[in-house]
Amino acid sequence: MTEESPAKRGEAAWKQEREAISKRNAEAHKRAQGAQRSRDASTAANQREALDREAKQLHELNERIAKRRASSPG
């Protein structure tokens, strides 16, 4: 059988708990950064798509205006 180490007490227990909390916080921070980068990429893609749609609409509108000007007498 293996011997178990005795439970830490006092300052040693406090340091162990502090290290565990720091490790959990660091892991949570890494996960949050990954999620933020994913959201940023998605937002950028959505913005590019919106700008592309707007450019297409403006191009079509300009074509209609040009056709009206070309077909109107004067």
N, C-alpha and C. Protein backbone atom coordinates (compact mmCIF):
# COMPACT_ATOMS: atom_id res chain seq x y z
N MET A 1 0.83 -1.18 0.00
CA MET A 1 0.00 0.00 0.00
C MET A 1 0.88 1.24 0.00
N THR A 2 0.35 2.29 -0.54
CA THR A 2 1.11 3.53 -0.56
C THR A 2 0.73 4.38 0.63
N GLU A 3 1.71 5.12 1.10
CA GLU A 3 1.45 6.02 2.21
C GLU A 3 0.96 7.35 1.66
N GLU A 4 -0.04 7.90 2.29
CA GLU A 4 -0.54 9.20 1.90
C GLU A 4 0.19 10.26 2.70
N SER A 5 0.47 11.38 2.05
CA SER A 5 1.15 12.45 2.78
C SER A 5 0.12 13.12 3.68
N PRO A 6 0.55 13.56 4.83
CA PRO A 6 -0.39 14.21 5.75
C PRO A 6 -0.90 15.52 5.15
N ALA A 7 -2.08 15.90 5.53
CA ALA A 7 -2.69 17.14 5.03
C ALA A 7 -1.84 18.33 5.48
N LYS A 8 -1.70 19.27 4.57
CA LYS A 8 -0.92 20.47 4.89
C LYS A 8 -1.73 21.36 5.82
N ARG A 9 -0.99 22.10 6.64
CA ARG A 9 -1.64 22.98 7.60
C ARG A 9 -0.98 24.34 7.58
N GLY A 10 -1.70 25.29 8.10
CA GLY A 10 -1.14 26.62 8.29
C GLY A 10 -0.72 27.28 6.99
N GLU A 11 0.49 27.86 7.01
CA GLU A 11 0.98 28.61 5.87
C GLU A 11 1.15 27.71 4.64
N ALA A 12 1.55 26.46 4.82
CA ALA A 12 1.71 25.55 3.69
C ALA A 12 0.37 25.30 3.01
N ALA A 13 -0.69 25.14 3.80
CA ALA A 13 -2.02 24.93 3.24
C ALA A 13 -2.49 26.19 2.52
N TRP A 14 -2.19 27.33 3.11
CA TRP A 14 -2.59 28.60 2.50
C TRP A 14 -1.89 28.79 1.15
N LYS A 15 -0.58 28.50 1.10
CA LYS A 15 0.18 28.64 -0.14
C LYS A 15 -0.35 27.67 -1.20
N GLN A 16 -0.65 26.45 -0.79
CA GLN A 16 -1.16 25.46 -1.73
C GLN A 16 -2.51 25.92 -2.32
N GLU A 17 -3.37 26.44 -1.47
CA GLU A 17 -4.67 26.93 -1.93
C GLU A 17 -4.49 28.13 -2.86
N ARG A 18 -3.59 29.03 -2.51
CA ARG A 18 -3.32 30.21 -3.34
C ARG A 18 -2.80 29.79 -4.72
N GLU A 19 -1.92 28.80 -4.77
CA GLU A 19 -1.39 28.32 -6.04
C GLU A 19 -2.49 27.67 -6.87
N ALA A 20 -3.37 26.93 -6.22
CA ALA A 20 -4.47 26.29 -6.94
C ALA A 20 -5.41 27.34 -7.53
N ILE A 21 -5.68 28.38 -6.77
CA ILE A 21 -6.55 29.46 -7.26
C ILE A 21 -5.88 30.19 -8.43
N SER A 22 -4.59 30.46 -8.29
CA SER A 22 -3.87 31.14 -9.37
C SER A 22 -3.89 30.30 -10.64
N LYS A 23 -3.72 29.01 -10.50
CA LYS A 23 -3.73 28.12 -11.66
C LYS A 23 -5.11 28.13 -12.33
N ARG A 24 -6.17 28.04 -11.52
CA ARG A 24 -7.54 28.07 -12.09
C ARG A 24 -7.80 29.40 -12.78
N ASN A 25 -7.34 30.49 -12.17
CA ASN A 25 -7.54 31.81 -12.78
C ASN A 25 -6.80 31.92 -14.10
N ALA A 26 -5.58 31.41 -14.16
CA ALA A 26 -4.79 31.46 -15.39
C ALA A 26 -5.47 30.64 -16.49
N GLU A 27 -5.97 29.48 -16.14
CA GLU A 27 -6.67 28.64 -17.12
C GLU A 27 -7.94 29.32 -17.62
N ALA A 28 -8.68 29.94 -16.72
CA ALA A 28 -9.90 30.64 -17.10
C ALA A 28 -9.56 31.83 -18.01
N HIS A 29 -8.48 32.51 -17.71
CA HIS A 29 -8.05 33.64 -18.52
C HIS A 29 -7.71 33.18 -19.95
N LYS A 30 -6.99 32.06 -20.07
CA LYS A 30 -6.64 31.53 -21.38
C LYS A 30 -7.90 31.17 -22.17
N ARG A 31 -8.86 30.54 -21.51
CA ARG A 31 -10.12 30.18 -22.20
C ARG A 31 -10.85 31.44 -22.65
N ALA A 32 -10.86 32.46 -21.81
CA ALA A 32 -11.56 33.70 -22.14
C ALA A 32 -10.88 34.39 -23.32
N GLN A 33 -9.55 34.36 -23.36
CA GLN A 33 -8.84 34.98 -24.48
C GLN A 33 -9.18 34.27 -25.79
N GLY A 34 -9.24 32.95 -25.75
CA GLY A 34 -9.59 32.20 -26.95
C GLY A 34 -10.99 32.54 -27.42
N ALA A 35 -11.92 32.65 -26.48
CA ALA A 35 -13.30 32.99 -26.84
C ALA A 35 -13.36 34.41 -27.38
N GLN A 36 -12.59 35.33 -26.80
CA GLN A 36 -12.59 36.71 -27.27
C GLN A 36 -12.04 36.79 -28.68
N ARG A 37 -10.95 36.06 -28.97
CA ARG A 37 -10.40 36.07 -30.32
C ARG A 37 -11.42 35.53 -31.31
N SER A 38 -12.15 34.51 -30.90
CA SER A 38 -13.17 33.93 -31.77
C SER A 38 -14.28 34.95 -32.04
N ARG A 39 -14.73 35.64 -30.99
CA ARG A 39 -15.76 36.68 -31.17
C ARG A 39 -15.24 37.82 -32.05
N ASP A 40 -13.98 38.21 -31.84
CA ASP A 40 -13.41 39.29 -32.64
C ASP A 40 -13.37 38.90 -34.12
N ALA A 41 -12.98 37.67 -34.41
CA ALA A 41 -12.92 37.20 -35.79
C ALA A 41 -14.31 37.17 -36.40
N SER A 42 -15.28 36.72 -35.63
CA SER A 42 -16.66 36.68 -36.12
C SER A 42 -17.20 38.07 -36.38
N THR A 43 -16.92 39.00 -35.48
CA THR A 43 -17.37 40.38 -35.64
C THR A 43 -16.72 41.01 -36.88
N ALA A 44 -15.44 40.77 -37.07
CA ALA A 44 -14.75 41.32 -38.23
C ALA A 44 -15.34 40.76 -39.52
N ALA A 45 -15.63 39.47 -39.54
CA ALA A 45 -16.23 38.85 -40.72
C ALA A 45 -17.61 39.46 -41.00
N ASN A 46 -18.39 39.65 -39.96
CA ASN A 46 -19.72 40.25 -40.12
C ASN A 46 -19.61 41.68 -40.65
N GLN A 47 -18.65 42.42 -40.16
CA GLN A 47 -18.46 43.80 -40.62
C GLN A 47 -18.04 43.83 -42.09
N ARG A 48 -17.14 42.91 -42.47
CA ARG A 48 -16.72 42.85 -43.88
C ARG A 48 -17.91 42.52 -44.77
N GLU A 49 -18.74 41.58 -44.35
CA GLU A 49 -19.92 41.21 -45.13
C GLU A 49 -20.87 42.39 -45.27
N ALA A 50 -21.07 43.13 -44.20
CA ALA A 50 -21.95 44.30 -44.24
C ALA A 50 -21.39 45.37 -45.18
N LEU A 51 -20.09 45.58 -45.13
CA LEU A 51 -19.47 46.56 -46.03
C LEU A 51 -19.58 46.10 -47.48
N ASP A 52 -19.42 44.82 -47.73
CA ASP A 52 -19.57 44.29 -49.09
C ASP A 52 -20.99 44.48 -49.59
N ARG A 53 -21.98 44.18 -48.74
CA ARG A 53 -23.38 44.37 -49.13
C ARG A 53 -23.66 45.84 -49.44
N GLU A 54 -23.15 46.72 -48.59
CA GLU A 54 -23.37 48.15 -48.80
C GLU A 54 -22.73 48.61 -50.11
N ALA A 55 -21.51 48.15 -50.38
CA ALA A 55 -20.83 48.53 -51.63
C ALA A 55 -21.62 48.04 -52.84
N LYS A 56 -22.14 46.82 -52.76
CA LYS A 56 -22.93 46.27 -53.86
C LYS A 56 -24.21 47.10 -54.07
N GLN A 57 -24.88 47.45 -52.98
CA GLN A 57 -26.10 48.25 -53.08
C GLN A 57 -25.80 49.63 -53.69
N LEU A 58 -24.69 50.24 -53.26
CA LEU A 58 -24.33 51.55 -53.82
C LEU A 58 -24.00 51.45 -55.30
N HIS A 59 -23.33 50.38 -55.68
CA HIS A 59 -22.99 50.17 -57.09
C HIS A 59 -24.27 50.02 -57.92
N GLU A 60 -25.20 49.21 -57.43
CA GLU A 60 -26.47 49.01 -58.14
C GLU A 60 -27.26 50.32 -58.23
N LEU A 61 -27.28 51.08 -57.16
CA LEU A 61 -27.97 52.36 -57.15
C LEU A 61 -27.34 53.33 -58.16
N ASN A 62 -26.03 53.38 -58.19
CA ASN A 62 -25.34 54.25 -59.14
C ASN A 62 -25.62 53.83 -60.58
N GLU A 63 -25.71 52.53 -60.82
CA GLU A 63 -26.04 52.05 -62.16
C GLU A 63 -27.45 52.50 -62.56
N ARG A 64 -28.41 52.39 -61.63
CA ARG A 64 -29.78 52.83 -61.93
C ARG A 64 -29.83 54.33 -62.21
N ILE A 65 -29.09 55.10 -61.43
CA ILE A 65 -29.05 56.55 -61.64
C ILE A 65 -28.45 56.86 -63.01
N ALA A 66 -27.38 56.18 -63.36
CA ALA A 66 -26.72 56.39 -64.64
C ALA A 66 -27.66 56.03 -65.79
N LYS A 67 -28.42 54.95 -65.66
CA LYS A 67 -29.37 54.55 -66.70
C LYS A 67 -30.48 55.61 -66.85
N ARG A 68 -30.98 56.13 -65.75
CA ARG A 68 -32.02 57.16 -65.81
C ARG A 68 -31.50 58.41 -66.50
N ARG A 69 -30.28 58.79 -66.16
CA ARG A 69 -29.68 59.98 -66.78
C ARG A 69 -29.48 59.76 -68.28
N ALA A 70 -29.08 58.56 -68.64
CA ALA A 70 -28.82 58.26 -70.05
C ALA A 70 -30.12 58.22 -70.85
N SER A 71 -31.21 57.76 -70.24
CA SER A 71 -32.47 57.63 -70.96
C SER A 71 -33.31 58.91 -70.94
N SER A 72 -33.01 59.84 -70.07
CA SER A 72 -33.82 61.06 -70.00
C SER A 72 -33.36 62.05 -71.06
N PRO A 73 -34.35 62.75 -71.68
CA PRO A 73 -33.98 63.74 -72.69
C PRO A 73 -33.31 64.96 -72.04
N GLY A 74 -32.40 65.50 -72.73
CA GLY A 74 -31.90 66.73 -72.21
C GLY A 74 -30.49 66.90 -72.24
